[in-house]
Amino acid sequence: MSSYLALVIGAILGSSFRYFLTLLNFTILGLPSATILVNIIGSAMAGYFLNKFNGALYIFVYIGFFGSFTTLSSFNMELFSLFSDKSFFKAFIYFSLNIFISFIFFYLFHMISLRFAN
């Protein structure tokens, strides 16, 4: 039961932070930037804290918080919208920033966490 409670609390916090950032409703170069920012921040933090938790704390942080903070559904809807508007270049940039940059931040912050561990 403690694992389930950890999941629920983490999901509430993660989705709340994500919703707060979407309320800012900002764009950069016409791109819906809140999702990009959320995915980059979430990936960076997930990389930084990789293998740092286990048990209920892992469920709270990774599945609950990061799982509800970052989002693939919003990413897909916004990407589809760009394609529907025939904004193919913007769709490519949006896709690249979300996928590649998020992964790069995940990797970099994991490396940073390993440096602090030594």
PDB file of N, CA and C in Angstrom:
ATOM      1  N   MET A   1       0.814  -1.202   0.000  1.00  0.00           N
ATOM      2  CA  MET A   1       0.000   0.000   0.000  1.00  0.00           C
ATOM      3  C   MET A   1       0.854   1.261   0.000  1.00  0.00           C
ATOM      4  N   SER A   2       2.004   1.229   0.667  1.00  0.00           N
ATOM      5  CA  SER A   2       2.860   2.419   0.688  1.00  0.00           C
ATOM      6  C   SER A   2       3.382   2.744  -0.708  1.00  0.00           C
ATOM      7  N   SER A   3       3.599   1.723  -1.545  1.00  0.00           N
ATOM      8  CA  SER A   3       4.036   1.971  -2.922  1.00  0.00           C
ATOM      9  C   SER A   3       2.949   2.689  -3.715  1.00  0.00           C
ATOM     10  N   TYR A   4       1.717   2.271  -3.519  1.00  0.00           N
ATOM     11  CA  TYR A   4       0.608   2.909  -4.223  1.00  0.00           C
ATOM     12  C   TYR A   4       0.439   4.352  -3.764  1.00  0.00           C
ATOM     13  N   LEU A   5       0.550   4.597  -2.486  1.00  0.00           N
ATOM     14  CA  LEU A   5       0.445   5.954  -1.954  1.00  0.00           C
ATOM     15  C   LEU A   5       1.589   6.824  -2.487  1.00  0.00           C
ATOM     16  N   ALA A   6       2.775   6.263  -2.565  1.00  0.00           N
ATOM     17  CA  ALA A   6       3.920   6.987  -3.128  1.00  0.00           C
ATOM     18  C   ALA A   6       3.647   7.358  -4.583  1.00  0.00           C
ATOM     19  N   LEU A   7       3.069   6.436  -5.337  1.00  0.00           N
ATOM     20  CA  LEU A   7       2.726   6.691  -6.735  1.00  0.00           C
ATOM     21  C   LEU A   7       1.720   7.826  -6.850  1.00  0.00           C
ATOM     22  N   VAL A   8       0.669   7.779  -6.057  1.00  0.00           N
ATOM     23  CA  VAL A   8      -0.394   8.776  -6.123  1.00  0.00           C
ATOM     24  C   VAL A   8       0.130  10.166  -5.743  1.00  0.00           C
ATOM     25  N   ILE A   9       0.880  10.246  -4.667  1.00  0.00           N
ATOM     26  CA  ILE A   9       1.414  11.553  -4.239  1.00  0.00           C
ATOM     27  C   ILE A   9       2.390  12.096  -5.283  1.00  0.00           C
ATOM     28  N   GLY A  10       3.262  11.238  -5.799  1.00  0.00           N
ATOM     29  CA  GLY A  10       4.191  11.666  -6.842  1.00  0.00           C
ATOM     30  C   GLY A  10       3.464  12.142  -8.085  1.00  0.00           C
ATOM     31  N   ALA A  11       2.413  11.419  -8.485  1.00  0.00           N
ATOM     32  CA  ALA A  11       1.650  11.802  -9.675  1.00  0.00           C
ATOM     33  C   ALA A  11       0.923  13.124  -9.473  1.00  0.00           C
ATOM     34  N   ILE A  12       0.385  13.335  -8.293  1.00  0.00           N
ATOM     35  CA  ILE A  12      -0.298  14.604  -8.002  1.00  0.00           C
ATOM     36  C   ILE A  12       0.689  15.762  -8.097  1.00  0.00           C
ATOM     37  N   LEU A  13       1.864  15.597  -7.501  1.00  0.00           N
ATOM     38  CA  LEU A  13       2.864  16.672  -7.542  1.00  0.00           C
ATOM     39  C   LEU A  13       3.397  16.898  -8.952  1.00  0.00           C
ATOM     40  N   GLY A  14       3.713  15.818  -9.648  1.00  0.00           N
ATOM     41  CA  GLY A  14       4.251  15.944 -11.013  1.00  0.00           C
ATOM     42  C   GLY A  14       3.269  16.597 -11.958  1.00  0.00           C
ATOM     43  N   SER A  15       2.019  16.162 -11.928  1.00  0.00           N
ATOM     44  CA  SER A  15       1.017  16.744 -12.820  1.00  0.00           C
ATOM     45  C   SER A  15       0.708  18.187 -12.424  1.00  0.00           C
ATOM     46  N   SER A  16       0.777  18.504 -11.142  1.00  0.00           N
ATOM     47  CA  SER A  16       0.542  19.882 -10.701  1.00  0.00           C
ATOM     48  C   SER A  16       1.628  20.820 -11.210  1.00  0.00           C
ATOM     49  N   PHE A  17       2.885  20.395 -11.104  1.00  0.00           N
ATOM     50  CA  PHE A  17       3.981  21.219 -11.629  1.00  0.00           C
ATOM     51  C   PHE A  17       3.871  21.377 -13.137  1.00  0.00           C
ATOM     52  N   ARG A  18       3.508  20.289 -13.819  1.00  0.00           N
ATOM     53  CA  ARG A  18       3.361  20.353 -15.267  1.00  0.00           C
ATOM     54  C   ARG A  18       2.242  21.318 -15.649  1.00  0.00           C
ATOM     55  N   TYR A  19       1.121  21.226 -14.974  1.00  0.00           N
ATOM     56  CA  TYR A  19      -0.015  22.104 -15.267  1.00  0.00           C
ATOM     57  C   TYR A  19       0.354  23.566 -15.016  1.00  0.00           C
ATOM     58  N   PHE A  20       1.083  23.833 -13.950  1.00  0.00           N
ATOM     59  CA  PHE A  20       1.525  25.196 -13.667  1.00  0.00           C
ATOM     60  C   PHE A  20       2.344  25.755 -14.831  1.00  0.00           C
ATOM     61  N   LEU A  21       3.265  24.950 -15.366  1.00  0.00           N
ATOM     62  CA  LEU A  21       4.076  25.429 -16.488  1.00  0.00           C
ATOM     63  C   LEU A  21       3.247  25.650 -17.748  1.00  0.00           C
ATOM     64  N   THR A  22       2.237  24.816 -17.980  1.00  0.00           N
ATOM     65  CA  THR A  22       1.396  25.029 -19.161  1.00  0.00           C
ATOM     66  C   THR A  22       0.532  26.274 -19.013  1.00  0.00           C
ATOM     67  N   LEU A  23       0.203  26.650 -17.772  1.00  0.00           N
ATOM     68  CA  LEU A  23      -0.570  27.881 -17.559  1.00  0.00           C
ATOM     69  C   LEU A  23       0.213  29.117 -17.988  1.00  0.00           C
ATOM     70  N   LEU A  24       1.537  29.019 -17.994  1.00  0.00           N
ATOM     71  CA  LEU A  24       2.351  30.146 -18.439  1.00  0.00           C
ATOM     72  C   LEU A  24       2.159  30.400 -19.931  1.00  0.00           C
ATOM     73  N   ASN A  25       1.772  29.348 -20.670  1.00  0.00           N
ATOM     74  CA  ASN A  25       1.376  29.438 -22.078  1.00  0.00           C
ATOM     75  C   ASN A  25       2.342  30.259 -22.932  1.00  0.00           C
ATOM     76  N   PHE A  26       3.600  29.923 -22.871  1.00  0.00           N
ATOM     77  CA  PHE A  26       4.570  30.672 -23.649  1.00  0.00           C
ATOM     78  C   PHE A  26       5.020  29.868 -24.871  1.00  0.00           C
ATOM     79  N   THR A  27       5.429  30.607 -25.887  1.00  0.00           N
ATOM     80  CA  THR A  27       5.937  29.977 -27.105  1.00  0.00           C
ATOM     81  C   THR A  27       7.277  30.600 -27.450  1.00  0.00           C
ATOM     82  N   ILE A  28       8.081  29.822 -28.115  1.00  0.00           N
ATOM     83  CA  ILE A  28       9.347  30.307 -28.656  1.00  0.00           C
ATOM     84  C   ILE A  28       9.352  29.937 -30.125  1.00  0.00           C
ATOM     85  N   LEU A  29       9.486  30.932 -30.984  1.00  0.00           N
ATOM     86  CA  LEU A  29       9.466  30.737 -32.431  1.00  0.00           C
ATOM     87  C   LEU A  29       8.185  30.040 -32.889  1.00  0.00           C
ATOM     88  N   GLY A  30       7.089  30.315 -32.220  1.00  0.00           N
ATOM     89  CA  GLY A  30       5.812  29.727 -32.587  1.00  0.00           C
ATOM     90  C   GLY A  30       5.608  28.293 -32.140  1.00  0.00           C
ATOM     91  N   LEU A  31       6.530  27.779 -31.330  1.00  0.00           N
ATOM     92  CA  LEU A  31       6.410  26.411 -30.837  1.00  0.00           C
ATOM     93  C   LEU A  31       5.808  26.409 -29.446  1.00  0.00           C
ATOM     94  N   PRO A  32       4.959  25.427 -29.151  1.00  0.00           N
ATOM     95  CA  PRO A  32       4.422  25.304 -27.788  1.00  0.00           C
ATOM     96  C   PRO A  32       5.542  24.867 -26.844  1.00  0.00           C
ATOM     97  N   SER A  33       6.134  25.806 -26.161  1.00  0.00           N
ATOM     98  CA  SER A  33       7.391  25.573 -25.454  1.00  0.00           C
ATOM     99  C   SER A  33       7.257  24.955 -24.073  1.00  0.00           C
ATOM    100  N   ALA A  34       6.094  24.997 -23.461  1.00  0.00           N
ATOM    101  CA  ALA A  34       5.944  24.409 -22.125  1.00  0.00           C
ATOM    102  C   ALA A  34       6.238  22.916 -22.153  1.00  0.00           C
ATOM    103  N   THR A  35       5.741  22.214 -23.160  1.00  0.00           N
ATOM    104  CA  THR A  35       5.983  20.773 -23.249  1.00  0.00           C
ATOM    105  C   THR A  35       7.459  20.486 -23.462  1.00  0.00           C
ATOM    106  N   ILE A  36       8.106  21.281 -24.295  1.00  0.00           N
ATOM    107  CA  ILE A  36       9.544  21.098 -24.524  1.00  0.00           C
ATOM    108  C   ILE A  36      10.287  21.295 -23.210  1.00  0.00           C
ATOM    109  N   LEU A  37       9.970  22.374 -22.501  1.00  0.00           N
ATOM    110  CA  LEU A  37      10.626  22.675 -21.227  1.00  0.00           C
ATOM    111  C   LEU A  37      10.387  21.560 -20.211  1.00  0.00           C
ATOM    112  N   VAL A  38       9.155  21.097 -20.106  1.00  0.00           N
ATOM    113  CA  VAL A  38       8.816  20.023 -19.174  1.00  0.00           C
ATOM    114  C   VAL A  38       9.609  18.763 -19.503  1.00  0.00           C
ATOM    115  N   ASN A  39       9.666  18.405 -20.774  1.00  0.00           N
ATOM    116  CA  ASN A  39      10.373  17.186 -21.156  1.00  0.00           C
ATOM    117  C   ASN A  39      11.880  17.301 -20.936  1.00  0.00           C
ATOM    118  N   ILE A  40      12.443  18.462 -21.180  1.00  0.00           N
ATOM    119  CA  ILE A  40      13.885  18.655 -20.949  1.00  0.00           C
ATOM    120  C   ILE A  40      14.188  18.630 -19.458  1.00  0.00           C
ATOM    121  N   ILE A  41      13.419  19.370 -18.663  1.00  0.00           N
ATOM    122  CA  ILE A  41      13.644  19.383 -17.211  1.00  0.00           C
ATOM    123  C   ILE A  41      13.435  17.985 -16.630  1.00  0.00           C
ATOM    124  N   GLY A  42      12.347  17.347 -17.012  1.00  0.00           N
ATOM    125  CA  GLY A  42      12.062  16.002 -16.512  1.00  0.00           C
ATOM    126  C   GLY A  42      13.134  15.002 -16.899  1.00  0.00           C
ATOM    127  N   SER A  43      13.618  15.091 -18.128  1.00  0.00           N
ATOM    128  CA  SER A  43      14.679  14.186 -18.574  1.00  0.00           C
ATOM    129  C   SER A  43      15.981  14.450 -17.832  1.00  0.00           C
ATOM    130  N   ALA A  44      16.301  15.724 -17.640  1.00  0.00           N
ATOM    131  CA  ALA A  44      17.526  16.069 -16.914  1.00  0.00           C
ATOM    132  C   ALA A  44      17.475  15.525 -15.488  1.00  0.00           C
ATOM    133  N   MET A  45      16.362  15.735 -14.820  1.00  0.00           N
ATOM    134  CA  MET A  45      16.234  15.262 -13.438  1.00  0.00           C
ATOM    135  C   MET A  45      16.188  13.731 -13.364  1.00  0.00           C
ATOM    136  N   ALA A  46      15.527  13.097 -14.325  1.00  0.00           N
ATOM    137  CA  ALA A  46      15.493  11.633 -14.346  1.00  0.00           C
ATOM    138  C   ALA A  46      16.895  11.072 -14.552  1.00  0.00           C
ATOM    139  N   GLY A  47      17.675  11.725 -15.403  1.00  0.00           N
ATOM    140  CA  GLY A  47      19.059  11.296 -15.597  1.00  0.00           C
ATOM    141  C   GLY A  47      19.903  11.512 -14.363  1.00  0.00           C
ATOM    142  N   TYR A  48      19.706  12.648 -13.721  1.00  0.00           N
ATOM    143  CA  TYR A  48      20.481  12.968 -12.525  1.00  0.00           C
ATOM    144  C   TYR A  48      20.208  11.976 -11.395  1.00  0.00           C
ATOM    145  N   PHE A  49      18.965  11.611 -11.223  1.00  0.00           N
ATOM    146  CA  PHE A  49      18.586  10.730 -10.117  1.00  0.00           C
ATOM    147  C   PHE A  49      18.520   9.254 -10.492  1.00  0.00           C
ATOM    148  N   LEU A  50      19.006   8.902 -11.691  1.00  0.00           N
ATOM    149  CA  LEU A  50      18.989   7.504 -12.127  1.00  0.00           C
ATOM    150  C   LEU A  50      19.743   6.625 -11.134  1.00  0.00           C
ATOM    151  N   ASN A  51      19.117   5.544 -10.729  1.00  0.00           N
ATOM    152  CA  ASN A  51      19.694   4.556  -9.804  1.00  0.00           C
ATOM    153  C   ASN A  51      19.997   5.113  -8.409  1.00  0.00           C
ATOM    154  N   LYS A  52      19.346   6.207  -8.050  1.00  0.00           N
ATOM    155  CA  LYS A  52      19.566   6.787  -6.722  1.00  0.00           C
ATOM    156  C   LYS A  52      18.502   6.353  -5.723  1.00  0.00           C
ATOM    157  N   PHE A  53      17.390   5.797  -6.204  1.00  0.00           N
ATOM    158  CA  PHE A  53      16.275   5.432  -5.340  1.00  0.00           C
ATOM    159  C   PHE A  53      15.850   3.992  -5.608  1.00  0.00           C
ATOM    160  N   ASN A  54      15.190   3.400  -4.616  1.00  0.00           N
ATOM    161  CA  ASN A  54      14.554   2.107  -4.828  1.00  0.00           C
ATOM    162  C   ASN A  54      13.308   2.028  -3.965  1.00  0.00           C
ATOM    163  N   GLY A  55      12.528   1.012  -4.181  1.00  0.00           N
ATOM    164  CA  GLY A  55      11.309   0.804  -3.403  1.00  0.00           C
ATOM    165  C   GLY A  55      10.278   1.891  -3.625  1.00  0.00           C
ATOM    166  N   ALA A  56       9.601   2.283  -2.553  1.00  0.00           N
ATOM    167  CA  ALA A  56       8.529   3.271  -2.640  1.00  0.00           C
ATOM    168  C   ALA A  56       9.041   4.636  -3.095  1.00  0.00           C
ATOM    169  N   LEU A  57      10.273   4.982  -2.729  1.00  0.00           N
ATOM    170  CA  LEU A  57      10.825   6.269  -3.158  1.00  0.00           C
ATOM    171  C   LEU A  57      11.043   6.287  -4.670  1.00  0.00           C
ATOM    172  N   TYR A  58      11.484   5.166  -5.231  1.00  0.00           N
ATOM    173  CA  TYR A  58      11.618   5.049  -6.694  1.00  0.00           C
ATOM    174  C   TYR A  58      10.254   5.233  -7.363  1.00  0.00           C
ATOM    175  N   ILE A  59       9.249   4.580  -6.827  1.00  0.00           N
ATOM    176  CA  ILE A  59       7.898   4.691  -7.394  1.00  0.00           C
ATOM    177  C   ILE A  59       7.405   6.131  -7.304  1.00  0.00           C
ATOM    178  N   PHE A  60       7.653   6.781  -6.170  1.00  0.00           N
ATOM    179  CA  PHE A  60       7.258   8.178  -5.993  1.00  0.00           C
ATOM    180  C   PHE A  60       7.937   9.076  -7.027  1.00  0.00           C
ATOM    181  N   VAL A  61       9.272   8.968  -7.132  1.00  0.00           N
ATOM    182  CA  VAL A  61      10.042   9.877  -7.991  1.00  0.00           C
ATOM    183  C   VAL A  61       9.867   9.554  -9.468  1.00  0.00           C
ATOM    184  N   TYR A  62      10.148   8.310  -9.852  1.00  0.00           N
ATOM    185  CA  TYR A  62      10.194   7.983 -11.279  1.00  0.00           C
ATOM    186  C   TYR A  62       8.828   7.735 -11.897  1.00  0.00           C
ATOM    187  N   ILE A  63       8.043   6.880 -11.300  1.00  0.00           N
ATOM    188  CA  ILE A  63       6.762   6.535 -11.904  1.00  0.00           C
ATOM    189  C   ILE A  63       5.727   7.614 -11.612  1.00  0.00           C
ATOM    190  N   GLY A  64       5.670   8.073 -10.365  1.00  0.00           N
ATOM    191  CA  GLY A  64       4.691   9.081  -9.989  1.00  0.00           C
ATOM    192  C   GLY A  64       5.031  10.462 -10.494  1.00  0.00           C
ATOM    193  N   PHE A  65       6.132  11.030  -9.985  1.00  0.00           N
ATOM    194  CA  PHE A  65       6.452  12.428 -10.297  1.00  0.00           C
ATOM    195  C   PHE A  65       6.886  12.607 -11.748  1.00  0.00           C
ATOM    196  N   PHE A  66       7.981  11.945 -12.157  1.00  0.00           N
ATOM    197  CA  PHE A  66       8.477  12.134 -13.526  1.00  0.00           C
ATOM    198  C   PHE A  66       7.493  11.608 -14.563  1.00  0.00           C
ATOM    199  N   GLY A  67       6.792  10.523 -14.223  1.00  0.00           N
ATOM    200  CA  GLY A  67       5.821   9.959 -15.160  1.00  0.00           C
ATOM    201  C   GLY A  67       4.668  10.894 -15.448  1.00  0.00           C
ATOM    202  N   SER A  68       4.251  11.668 -14.468  1.00  0.00           N
ATOM    203  CA  SER A  68       3.143  12.597 -14.700  1.00  0.00           C
ATOM    204  C   SER A  68       3.634  14.003 -15.027  1.00  0.00           C
ATOM    205  N   PHE A  69       4.867  14.312 -14.720  1.00  0.00           N
ATOM    206  CA  PHE A  69       5.421  15.634 -15.048  1.00  0.00           C
ATOM    207  C   PHE A  69       5.730  15.724 -16.536  1.00  0.00           C
ATOM    208  N   THR A  70       6.454  14.757 -17.053  1.00  0.00           N
ATOM    209  CA  THR A  70       6.727  14.740 -18.490  1.00  0.00           C
ATOM    210  C   THR A  70       5.511  14.149 -19.185  1.00  0.00           C
ATOM    211  N   THR A  71       5.413  14.385 -20.475  1.00  0.00           N
ATOM    212  CA  THR A  71       4.200  13.938 -21.146  1.00  0.00           C
ATOM    213  C   THR A  71       4.449  13.588 -22.602  1.00  0.00           C
ATOM    214  N   LEU A  72       3.960  12.467 -22.987  1.00  0.00           N
ATOM    215  CA  LEU A  72       4.008  12.090 -24.392  1.00  0.00           C
ATOM    216  C   LEU A  72       2.696  12.442 -25.077  1.00  0.00           C
ATOM    217  N   SER A  73       1.602  12.417 -24.352  1.00  0.00           N
ATOM    218  CA  SER A  73       0.313  12.710 -24.980  1.00  0.00           C
ATOM    219  C   SER A  73       0.244  14.161 -25.454  1.00  0.00           C
ATOM    220  N   SER A  74       0.673  15.102 -24.649  1.00  0.00           N
ATOM    221  CA  SER A  74       0.678  16.504 -25.091  1.00  0.00           C
ATOM    222  C   SER A  74       1.644  16.696 -26.244  1.00  0.00           C
ATOM    223  N   PHE A  75       2.772  16.049 -26.159  1.00  0.00           N
ATOM    224  CA  PHE A  75       3.758  16.114 -27.246  1.00  0.00           C
ATOM    225  C   PHE A  75       3.127  15.654 -28.555  1.00  0.00           C
ATOM    226  N   ASN A  76       2.445  14.512 -28.538  1.00  0.00           N
ATOM    227  CA  ASN A  76       1.836  13.991 -29.757  1.00  0.00           C
ATOM    228  C   ASN A  76       0.740  14.904 -30.290  1.00  0.00           C
ATOM    229  N   MET A  77      -0.084  15.455 -29.399  1.00  0.00           N
ATOM    230  CA  MET A  77      -1.156  16.350 -29.852  1.00  0.00           C
ATOM    231  C   MET A  77      -0.576  17.619 -30.475  1.00  0.00           C
ATOM    232  N   GLU A  78       0.447  18.182 -29.852  1.00  0.00           N
ATOM    233  CA  GLU A  78       1.037  19.413 -30.377  1.00  0.00           C
ATOM    234  C   GLU A  78       1.788  19.152 -31.682  1.00  0.00           C
ATOM    235  N   LEU A  79       2.467  18.028 -31.774  1.00  0.00           N
ATOM    236  CA  LEU A  79       3.152  17.664 -33.017  1.00  0.00           C
ATOM    237  C   LEU A  79       2.136  17.455 -34.130  1.00  0.00           C
ATOM    238  N   PHE A  80       1.052  16.762 -33.832  1.00  0.00           N
ATOM    239  CA  PHE A  80      -0.005  16.540 -34.815  1.00  0.00           C
ATOM    240  C   PHE A  80      -0.595  17.862 -35.289  1.00  0.00           C
ATOM    241  N   SER A  81      -0.777  18.788 -34.365  1.00  0.00           N
ATOM    242  CA  SER A  81      -1.312  20.103 -34.718  1.00  0.00           C
ATOM    243  C   SER A  81      -0.385  20.829 -35.690  1.00  0.00           C
ATOM    244  N   LEU A  82       0.917  20.760 -35.430  1.00  0.00           N
ATOM    245  CA  LEU A  82       1.878  21.388 -36.346  1.00  0.00           C
ATOM    246  C   LEU A  82       1.828  20.739 -37.723  1.00  0.00           C
ATOM    247  N   PHE A  83       1.727  19.411 -37.771  1.00  0.00           N
ATOM    248  CA  PHE A  83       1.598  18.715 -39.054  1.00  0.00           C
ATOM    249  C   PHE A  83       0.299  19.099 -39.756  1.00  0.00           C
ATOM    250  N   SER A  84      -0.787  19.166 -39.011  1.00  0.00           N
ATOM    251  CA  SER A  84      -2.083  19.521 -39.596  1.00  0.00           C
ATOM    252  C   SER A  84      -2.066  20.922 -40.194  1.00  0.00           C
ATOM    253  N   ASP A  85      -1.309  21.812 -39.561  1.00  0.00           N
ATOM    254  CA  ASP A  85      -1.167  23.175 -40.076  1.00  0.00           C
ATOM    255  C   ASP A  85      -0.134  23.269 -41.192  1.00  0.00           C
ATOM    256  N   LYS A  86       0.416  22.115 -41.579  1.00  0.00           N
ATOM    257  CA  LYS A  86       1.460  22.030 -42.608  1.00  0.00           C
ATOM    258  C   LYS A  86       2.706  22.836 -42.241  1.00  0.00           C
ATOM    259  N   SER A  87       2.961  22.929 -40.942  1.00  0.00           N
ATOM    260  CA  SER A  87       4.162  23.591 -40.434  1.00  0.00           C
ATOM    261  C   SER A  87       5.235  22.521 -40.244  1.00  0.00           C
ATOM    262  N   PHE A  88       5.698  21.977 -41.348  1.00  0.00           N
ATOM    263  CA  PHE A  88       6.579  20.818 -41.293  1.00  0.00           C
ATOM    264  C   PHE A  88       7.941  21.138 -40.672  1.00  0.00           C
ATOM    265  N   PHE A  89       8.477  22.305 -40.970  1.00  0.00           N
ATOM    266  CA  PHE A  89       9.766  22.669 -40.383  1.00  0.00           C
ATOM    267  C   PHE A  89       9.624  22.848 -38.873  1.00  0.00           C
ATOM    268  N   LYS A  90       8.569  23.544 -38.446  1.00  0.00           N
ATOM    269  CA  LYS A  90       8.327  23.698 -37.013  1.00  0.00           C
ATOM    270  C   LYS A  90       8.099  22.338 -36.360  1.00  0.00           C
ATOM    271  N   ALA A  91       7.401  21.438 -37.039  1.00  0.00           N
ATOM    272  CA  ALA A  91       7.168  20.093 -36.503  1.00  0.00           C
ATOM    273  C   ALA A  91       8.492  19.351 -36.329  1.00  0.00           C
ATOM    274  N   PHE A  92       9.389  19.498 -37.290  1.00  0.00           N
ATOM    275  CA  PHE A  92      10.705  18.849 -37.194  1.00  0.00           C
ATOM    276  C   PHE A  92      11.497  19.411 -36.017  1.00  0.00           C
ATOM    277  N   ILE A  93      11.517  20.718 -35.876  1.00  0.00           N
ATOM    278  CA  ILE A  93      12.240  21.357 -34.766  1.00  0.00           C
ATOM    279  C   ILE A  93      11.624  20.936 -33.438  1.00  0.00           C
ATOM    280  N   TYR A  94      10.309  20.961 -33.362  1.00  0.00           N
ATOM    281  CA  TYR A  94       9.594  20.578 -32.139  1.00  0.00           C
ATOM    282  C   TYR A  94       9.905  19.135 -31.761  1.00  0.00           C
ATOM    283  N   PHE A  95       9.847  18.245 -32.731  1.00  0.00           N
ATOM    284  CA  PHE A  95      10.164  16.837 -32.507  1.00  0.00           C
ATOM    285  C   PHE A  95      11.605  16.694 -32.016  1.00  0.00           C
ATOM    286  N   SER A  96      12.527  17.357 -32.703  1.00  0.00           N
ATOM    287  CA  SER A  96      13.947  17.250 -32.363  1.00  0.00           C
ATOM    288  C   SER A  96      14.235  17.752 -30.957  1.00  0.00           C
ATOM    289  N   LEU A  97      13.670  18.895 -30.608  1.00  0.00           N
ATOM    290  CA  LEU A  97      13.909  19.442 -29.279  1.00  0.00           C
ATOM    291  C   LEU A  97      13.383  18.512 -28.202  1.00  0.00           C
ATOM    292  N   ASN A  98      12.189  17.983 -28.398  1.00  0.00           N
ATOM    293  CA  ASN A  98      11.601  17.103 -27.388  1.00  0.00           C
ATOM    294  C   ASN A  98      12.335  15.781 -27.271  1.00  0.00           C
ATOM    295  N   ILE A  99      12.673  15.160 -28.367  1.00  0.00           N
ATOM    296  CA  ILE A  99      13.269  13.827 -28.320  1.00  0.00           C
ATOM    297  C   ILE A  99      14.773  13.900 -28.075  1.00  0.00           C
ATOM    298  N   PHE A 100      15.492  14.578 -28.942  1.00  0.00           N
ATOM    299  CA  PHE A 100      16.945  14.561 -28.860  1.00  0.00           C
ATOM    300  C   PHE A 100      17.484  15.380 -27.696  1.00  0.00           C
ATOM    301  N   ILE A 101      16.995  16.587 -27.540  1.00  0.00           N
ATOM    302  CA  ILE A 101      17.501  17.436 -26.467  1.00  0.00           C
ATOM    303  C   ILE A 101      17.130  16.849 -25.105  1.00  0.00           C
ATOM    304  N   SER A 102      15.923  16.303 -24.972  1.00  0.00           N
ATOM    305  CA  SER A 102      15.542  15.677 -23.707  1.00  0.00           C
ATOM    306  C   SER A 102      16.467  14.516 -23.375  1.00  0.00           C
ATOM    307  N   PHE A 103      16.808  13.706 -24.376  1.00  0.00           N
ATOM    308  CA  PHE A 103      17.723  12.593 -24.128  1.00  0.00           C
ATOM    309  C   PHE A 103      19.119  13.099 -23.776  1.00  0.00           C
ATOM    310  N   ILE A 104      19.581  14.111 -24.468  1.00  0.00           N
ATOM    311  CA  ILE A 104      20.905  14.677 -24.180  1.00  0.00           C
ATOM    312  C   ILE A 104      20.948  15.188 -22.738  1.00  0.00           C
ATOM    313  N   PHE A 105      19.893  15.873 -22.292  1.00  0.00           N
ATOM    314  CA  PHE A 105      19.857  16.357 -20.908  1.00  0.00           C
ATOM    315  C   PHE A 105      19.790  15.208 -19.918  1.00  0.00           C
ATOM    316  N   PHE A 106      19.051  14.156 -20.244  1.00  0.00           N
ATOM    317  CA  PHE A 106      19.017  12.960 -19.395  1.00  0.00           C
ATOM    318  C   PHE A 106      20.434  12.425 -19.222  1.00  0.00           C
ATOM    319  N   TYR A 107      21.143  12.252 -20.326  1.00  0.00           N
ATOM    320  CA  TYR A 107      22.498  11.705 -20.300  1.00  0.00           C
ATOM    321  C   TYR A 107      23.460  12.638 -19.560  1.00  0.00           C
ATOM    322  N   LEU A 108      23.432  13.923 -19.887  1.00  0.00           N
ATOM    323  CA  LEU A 108      24.343  14.878 -19.243  1.00  0.00           C
ATOM    324  C   LEU A 108      24.141  14.940 -17.734  1.00  0.00           C
ATOM    325  N   PHE A 109      22.911  15.000 -17.303  1.00  0.00           N
ATOM    326  CA  PHE A 109      22.657  15.100 -15.873  1.00  0.00           C
ATOM    327  C   PHE A 109      22.952  13.792 -15.150  1.00  0.00           C
ATOM    328  N   HIS A 110      22.827  12.683 -15.845  1.00  0.00           N
ATOM    329  CA  HIS A 110      23.262  11.417 -15.239  1.00  0.00           C
ATOM    330  C   HIS A 110      24.783  11.446 -15.055  1.00  0.00           C
ATOM    331  N   MET A 111      25.503  11.926 -16.042  1.00  0.00           N
ATOM    332  CA  MET A 111      26.965  12.036 -15.929  1.00  0.00           C
ATOM    333  C   MET A 111      27.344  13.001 -14.802  1.00  0.00           C
ATOM    334  N   ILE A 112      26.630  14.098 -14.681  1.00  0.00           N
ATOM    335  CA  ILE A 112      26.889  15.061 -13.609  1.00  0.00           C
ATOM    336  C   ILE A 112      26.673  14.394 -12.244  1.00  0.00           C
ATOM    337  N   SER A 113      25.609  13.622 -12.124  1.00  0.00           N
ATOM    338  CA  SER A 113      25.342  12.961 -10.844  1.00  0.00           C
ATOM    339  C   SER A 113      26.443  11.963 -10.498  1.00  0.00           C
ATOM    340  N   LEU A 114      26.987  11.317 -11.507  1.00  0.00           N
ATOM    341  CA  LEU A 114      28.094  10.375 -11.246  1.00  0.00           C
ATOM    342  C   LEU A 114      29.346  11.108 -10.785  1.00  0.00           C
ATOM    343  N   ARG A 115      29.573  12.305 -11.323  1.00  0.00           N
ATOM    344  CA  ARG A 115      30.731  13.104 -10.895  1.00  0.00           C
ATOM    345  C   ARG A 115      30.579  13.526  -9.440  1.00  0.00           C
ATOM    346  N   PHE A 116      29.367  13.884  -9.028  1.00  0.00           N
ATOM    347  CA  PHE A 116      29.140  14.262  -7.632  1.00  0.00           C
ATOM    348  C   PHE A 116      29.264  13.075  -6.696  1.00  0.00           C
ATOM    349  N   ALA A 117      28.997  11.896  -7.217  1.00  0.00           N
ATOM    350  CA  ALA A 117      29.069  10.686  -6.378  1.00  0.00           C
ATOM    351  C   ALA A 117      30.513  10.309  -6.057  1.00  0.00           C
ATOM    352  N   ASN A 118      31.422  10.759  -6.890  1.00  0.00           N
ATOM    353  CA  ASN A 118      32.845  10.411  -6.683  1.00  0.00           C
ATOM    354  C   ASN A 118      33.569  11.402  -5.816  1.00  0.00           C
TER     355      ASN A 118
END
